[in-house]
Amino acid sequence: MKLTSSQIREQTFSKKLKGYDPEEVNQFLSYVAEEFDLYALENERLKEEIESLREKLNEYQVKESVLRETLIAAKKFAEELKKNAQKEAELIIKEAEIKAEEIINQSAKEVRRLKEEILSLKRIRRDFEVKLLNYIDSVQHLIESQRKEEEREPKIDFLTKEE
């Protein structure tokens, strides 16, 4: 079950004699819920950005495939021209290969850049997850220490029978 900010805001705790200040607890829960919303929005934005980058990567991969097919077609065309004019065909092939290589190099650079960007976003996401887990862990430790403290306190029975 995923935790939501509304669940954090609506969380109630049982009241004990020497318990926490309800107003302070509610303020803290409100703060945690707001932070939770911010992290959820950031996480959603990062997911959308990753999806956008994946789409761009797919587009570049399609372009690269088209470029490779174009290069193959250009080579066949150059072989046919070679029969008619060898010198002219050699120049066309060289120019086409240079241009194709530049385009492939540019595409490869862009693919590398996008992969690095994706890795960077993944690192940011991991860092966020670690911070969030550390925060949750510290809250759990705080709650556990409070429970232990309450268990060590002597129990006072306020309800005594009158004789």
C-alpha atoms as a PDB file:
ATOM      1  CA  MET A   1       0.000   0.000   0.000  1.00  0.00           C
ATOM      2  CA  LYS A   2       1.480   3.364  -1.034  1.00  0.00           C
ATOM      3  CA  LEU A   3       1.468   6.155   1.495  1.00  0.00           C
ATOM      4  CA  THR A   4      -0.285   9.340   0.419  1.00  0.00           C
ATOM      5  CA  SER A   5      -0.086  12.863   1.783  1.00  0.00           C
ATOM      6  CA  SER A   6      -3.764  12.770   2.741  1.00  0.00           C
ATOM      7  CA  GLN A   7      -3.097   9.621   4.804  1.00  0.00           C
ATOM      8  CA  ILE A   8      -0.285  11.471   6.579  1.00  0.00           C
ATOM      9  CA  ARG A   9      -2.519  14.486   7.256  1.00  0.00           C
ATOM     10  CA  GLU A  10      -5.401  12.321   8.512  1.00  0.00           C
ATOM     11  CA  GLN A  11      -3.281  10.030  10.699  1.00  0.00           C
ATOM     12  CA  THR A  12      -4.410  10.026  14.320  1.00  0.00           C
ATOM     13  CA  PHE A  13      -2.644   8.717  17.375  1.00  0.00           C
ATOM     14  CA  SER A  14      -3.997   7.524  20.657  1.00  0.00           C
ATOM     15  CA  LYS A  15      -3.630   9.997  23.483  1.00  0.00           C
ATOM     16  CA  LYS A  16      -1.760   9.096  26.632  1.00  0.00           C
ATOM     17  CA  LEU A  17      -1.217  11.014  29.799  1.00  0.00           C
ATOM     18  CA  LYS A  18       2.258  12.254  28.958  1.00  0.00           C
ATOM     19  CA  GLY A  19       1.916  11.979  25.190  1.00  0.00           C
ATOM     20  CA  TYR A  20       2.945  14.354  22.465  1.00  0.00           C
ATOM     21  CA  ASP A  21       1.344  17.711  21.958  1.00  0.00           C
ATOM     22  CA  PRO A  22      -1.460  17.026  19.426  1.00  0.00           C
ATOM     23  CA  GLU A  23      -1.019  20.454  17.797  1.00  0.00           C
ATOM     24  CA  GLU A  24       2.703  19.846  17.367  1.00  0.00           C
ATOM     25  CA  VAL A  25       2.083  16.375  15.949  1.00  0.00           C
ATOM     26  CA  ASN A  26      -0.510  17.756  13.523  1.00  0.00           C
ATOM     27  CA  GLN A  27       1.864  20.524  12.412  1.00  0.00           C
ATOM     28  CA  PHE A  28       4.625  18.003  11.850  1.00  0.00           C
ATOM     29  CA  LEU A  29       2.309  15.653   9.942  1.00  0.00           C
ATOM     30  CA  SER A  30       1.205  18.591   7.794  1.00  0.00           C
ATOM     31  CA  TYR A  31       4.849  19.453   7.099  1.00  0.00           C
ATOM     32  CA  VAL A  32       5.658  15.831   6.256  1.00  0.00           C
ATOM     33  CA  ALA A  33       2.623  15.654   3.958  1.00  0.00           C
ATOM     34  CA  GLU A  34       3.701  18.815   2.130  1.00  0.00           C
ATOM     35  CA  GLU A  35       7.225  17.475   1.710  1.00  0.00           C
ATOM     36  CA  PHE A  36       5.778  14.168   0.566  1.00  0.00           C
ATOM     37  CA  ASP A  37       3.713  16.012  -2.062  1.00  0.00           C
ATOM     38  CA  LEU A  38       6.803  17.876  -3.259  1.00  0.00           C
ATOM     39  CA  TYR A  39       8.774  14.646  -3.575  1.00  0.00           C
ATOM     40  CA  ALA A  40       5.873  12.971  -5.346  1.00  0.00           C
ATOM     41  CA  LEU A  41       5.614  15.862  -7.821  1.00  0.00           C
ATOM     42  CA  GLU A  42       9.366  15.812  -8.417  1.00  0.00           C
ATOM     43  CA  ASN A  43       9.290  12.050  -8.887  1.00  0.00           C
ATOM     44  CA  GLU A  44       6.451  12.375 -11.420  1.00  0.00           C
ATOM     45  CA  ARG A  45       8.303  15.146 -13.255  1.00  0.00           C
ATOM     46  CA  LEU A  46      11.426  12.991 -13.415  1.00  0.00           C
ATOM     47  CA  LYS A  47       9.404  10.057 -14.710  1.00  0.00           C
ATOM     48  CA  GLU A  48       7.949  12.266 -17.440  1.00  0.00           C
ATOM     49  CA  GLU A  49      11.397  13.587 -18.278  1.00  0.00           C
ATOM     50  CA  ILE A  50      12.805  10.062 -18.487  1.00  0.00           C
ATOM     51  CA  GLU A  51       9.939   9.046 -20.751  1.00  0.00           C
ATOM     52  CA  SER A  52      10.582  12.075 -22.948  1.00  0.00           C
ATOM     53  CA  LEU A  53      14.265  11.183 -23.136  1.00  0.00           C
ATOM     54  CA  ARG A  54      13.406   7.607 -24.008  1.00  0.00           C
ATOM     55  CA  GLU A  55      11.190   8.846 -26.827  1.00  0.00           C
ATOM     56  CA  LYS A  56      13.999  11.057 -28.113  1.00  0.00           C
ATOM     57  CA  LEU A  57      16.401   8.137 -27.895  1.00  0.00           C
ATOM     58  CA  ASN A  58      13.982   5.998 -29.917  1.00  0.00           C
ATOM     59  CA  GLU A  59      13.706   8.758 -32.498  1.00  0.00           C
ATOM     60  CA  TYR A  60      17.469   8.944 -32.809  1.00  0.00           C
ATOM     61  CA  GLN A  61      17.703   5.181 -33.118  1.00  0.00           C
ATOM     62  CA  VAL A  62      15.132   5.258 -35.931  1.00  0.00           C
ATOM     63  CA  LYS A  63      17.077   8.064 -37.617  1.00  0.00           C
ATOM     64  CA  GLU A  64      20.276   6.043 -37.281  1.00  0.00           C
ATOM     65  CA  SER A  65      18.583   3.044 -38.881  1.00  0.00           C
ATOM     66  CA  VAL A  66      17.299   5.222 -41.712  1.00  0.00           C
ATOM     67  CA  LEU A  67      20.772   6.660 -42.146  1.00  0.00           C
ATOM     68  CA  ARG A  68      22.271   3.183 -42.345  1.00  0.00           C
ATOM     69  CA  GLU A  69      19.680   2.160 -44.934  1.00  0.00           C
ATOM     70  CA  THR A  70      20.390   5.360 -46.831  1.00  0.00           C
ATOM     71  CA  LEU A  71      24.094   4.611 -46.784  1.00  0.00           C
ATOM     72  CA  ILE A  72      23.476   1.126 -48.188  1.00  0.00           C
ATOM     73  CA  ALA A  73      21.284   2.574 -50.954  1.00  0.00           C
ATOM     74  CA  ALA A  74      23.914   5.204 -51.714  1.00  0.00           C
ATOM     75  CA  LYS A  75      26.565   2.496 -52.088  1.00  0.00           C
ATOM     76  CA  LYS A  76      24.381   0.561 -54.560  1.00  0.00           C
ATOM     77  CA  PHE A  77      23.686   3.719 -56.505  1.00  0.00           C
ATOM     78  CA  ALA A  78      27.384   4.531 -56.544  1.00  0.00           C
ATOM     79  CA  GLU A  79      28.199   1.093 -57.956  1.00  0.00           C
ATOM     80  CA  GLU A  80      25.760   1.665 -60.835  1.00  0.00           C
ATOM     81  CA  LEU A  81      27.239   5.081 -61.541  1.00  0.00           C
ATOM     82  CA  LYS A  82      30.703   3.570 -61.439  1.00  0.00           C
ATOM     83  CA  LYS A  83      30.011   1.811 -64.755  1.00  0.00           C
ATOM     84  CA  ASN A  84      29.304   5.138 -66.477  1.00  0.00           C
ATOM     85  CA  ALA A  85      31.750   7.482 -64.822  1.00  0.00           C
ATOM     86  CA  GLN A  86      34.259   5.983 -62.366  1.00  0.00           C
ATOM     87  CA  LYS A  87      35.817   9.263 -61.264  1.00  0.00           C
ATOM     88  CA  GLU A  88      32.498  11.028 -60.685  1.00  0.00           C
ATOM     89  CA  ALA A  89      31.162   8.034 -58.777  1.00  0.00           C
ATOM     90  CA  GLU A  90      34.203   7.925 -56.480  1.00  0.00           C
ATOM     91  CA  LEU A  91      33.687  11.579 -55.546  1.00  0.00           C
ATOM     92  CA  ILE A  92      30.000  11.047 -54.850  1.00  0.00           C
ATOM     93  CA  ILE A  93      30.744   7.996 -52.683  1.00  0.00           C
ATOM     94  CA  LYS A  94      33.407   9.827 -50.697  1.00  0.00           C
ATOM     95  CA  GLU A  95      31.138  12.823 -50.107  1.00  0.00           C
ATOM     96  CA  ALA A  96      28.228  10.603 -49.151  1.00  0.00           C
ATOM     97  CA  GLU A  97      30.384   8.576 -46.749  1.00  0.00           C
ATOM     98  CA  ILE A  98      31.783  11.687 -45.115  1.00  0.00           C
ATOM     99  CA  LYS A  99      28.330  13.179 -44.669  1.00  0.00           C
ATOM    100  CA  ALA A 100      26.898   9.883 -43.451  1.00  0.00           C
ATOM    101  CA  GLU A 101      29.773   9.427 -41.017  1.00  0.00           C
ATOM    102  CA  GLU A 102      29.246  12.949 -39.673  1.00  0.00           C
ATOM    103  CA  ILE A 103      25.549  12.288 -39.226  1.00  0.00           C
ATOM    104  CA  ILE A 104      26.248   8.924 -37.571  1.00  0.00           C
ATOM    105  CA  ASN A 105      28.863  10.539 -35.310  1.00  0.00           C
ATOM    106  CA  GLN A 106      26.440  13.302 -34.383  1.00  0.00           C
ATOM    107  CA  SER A 107      23.726  10.731 -33.700  1.00  0.00           C
ATOM    108  CA  ALA A 108      26.116   8.619 -31.635  1.00  0.00           C
ATOM    109  CA  LYS A 109      27.160  11.682 -29.627  1.00  0.00           C
ATOM    110  CA  GLU A 110      23.514  12.535 -28.994  1.00  0.00           C
ATOM    111  CA  VAL A 111      22.767   8.951 -27.958  1.00  0.00           C
ATOM    112  CA  ARG A 112      25.721   9.026 -25.544  1.00  0.00           C
ATOM    113  CA  ARG A 113      24.564  12.374 -24.166  1.00  0.00           C
ATOM    114  CA  LEU A 114      21.030  11.069 -23.648  1.00  0.00           C
ATOM    115  CA  LYS A 115      22.330   7.932 -21.947  1.00  0.00           C
ATOM    116  CA  GLU A 116      24.454  10.066 -19.617  1.00  0.00           C
ATOM    117  CA  GLU A 117      21.462  12.257 -18.896  1.00  0.00           C
ATOM    118  CA  ILE A 118      19.348   9.190 -18.096  1.00  0.00           C
ATOM    119  CA  LEU A 119      22.078   7.887 -15.775  1.00  0.00           C
ATOM    120  CA  SER A 120      22.225  11.272 -14.083  1.00  0.00           C
ATOM    121  CA  LEU A 121      18.459  11.251 -13.554  1.00  0.00           C
ATOM    122  CA  LYS A 122      18.681   7.732 -12.166  1.00  0.00           C
ATOM    123  CA  ARG A 123      21.399   8.880  -9.741  1.00  0.00           C
ATOM    124  CA  ILE A 124      19.221  11.795  -8.652  1.00  0.00           C
ATOM    125  CA  ARG A 125      16.301   9.429  -8.138  1.00  0.00           C
ATOM    126  CA  ARG A 126      18.484   6.993  -6.135  1.00  0.00           C
ATOM    127  CA  ASP A 127      19.755   9.868  -3.991  1.00  0.00           C
ATOM    128  CA  PHE A 128      16.188  10.960  -3.351  1.00  0.00           C
ATOM    129  CA  GLU A 129      15.164   7.426  -2.429  1.00  0.00           C
ATOM    130  CA  VAL A 130      18.124   7.088  -0.025  1.00  0.00           C
ATOM    131  CA  LYS A 131      17.289  10.423   1.627  1.00  0.00           C
ATOM    132  CA  LEU A 132      13.654   9.462   1.935  1.00  0.00           C
ATOM    133  CA  LEU A 133      14.507   6.052   3.388  1.00  0.00           C
ATOM    134  CA  ASN A 134      16.954   7.649   5.835  1.00  0.00           C
ATOM    135  CA  TYR A 135      14.275  10.088   6.875  1.00  0.00           C
ATOM    136  CA  ILE A 136      11.744   7.294   7.364  1.00  0.00           C
ATOM    137  CA  ASP A 137      14.336   5.284   9.311  1.00  0.00           C
ATOM    138  CA  SER A 138      15.078   8.229  11.619  1.00  0.00           C
ATOM    139  CA  VAL A 139      11.361   8.715  12.271  1.00  0.00           C
ATOM    140  CA  GLN A 140      11.013   4.999  13.041  1.00  0.00           C
ATOM    141  CA  HIS A 141      13.947   5.172  15.469  1.00  0.00           C
ATOM    142  CA  LEU A 142      12.394   8.187  17.140  1.00  0.00           C
ATOM    143  CA  ILE A 143       9.080   6.379  17.535  1.00  0.00           C
ATOM    144  CA  GLU A 144      10.793   3.244  18.868  1.00  0.00           C
ATOM    145  CA  SER A 145      12.813   5.225  21.402  1.00  0.00           C
ATOM    146  CA  GLN A 146       9.648   7.010  22.546  1.00  0.00           C
ATOM    147  CA  ARG A 147       7.867   3.686  22.973  1.00  0.00           C
ATOM    148  CA  LYS A 148      10.776   2.300  24.988  1.00  0.00           C
ATOM    149  CA  GLU A 149      10.752   5.431  27.134  1.00  0.00           C
ATOM    150  CA  GLU A 150       7.029   5.012  27.751  1.00  0.00           C
ATOM    151  CA  GLU A 151       7.505   1.356  28.660  1.00  0.00           C
ATOM    152  CA  ARG A 152      10.150   2.307  31.242  1.00  0.00           C
ATOM    153  CA  GLU A 153       7.885   4.846  32.939  1.00  0.00           C
ATOM    154  CA  PRO A 154       5.907   3.475  35.869  1.00  0.00           C
ATOM    155  CA  LYS A 155       2.244   2.938  35.148  1.00  0.00           C
ATOM    156  CA  ILE A 156      -0.046   5.055  37.251  1.00  0.00           C
ATOM    157  CA  ASP A 157      -3.584   3.852  37.784  1.00  0.00           C
ATOM    158  CA  PHE A 158      -5.826   6.871  38.198  1.00  0.00           C
ATOM    159  CA  LEU A 159      -8.921   4.805  38.569  1.00  0.00           C
ATOM    160  CA  THR A 160      -8.941   3.601  42.181  1.00  0.00           C
ATOM    161  CA  LYS A 161     -11.983   2.227  43.862  1.00  0.00           C
ATOM    162  CA  GLU A 162     -13.384   4.276  46.712  1.00  0.00           C
ATOM    163  CA  GLU A 163     -14.104   2.331  49.811  1.00  0.00           C
END
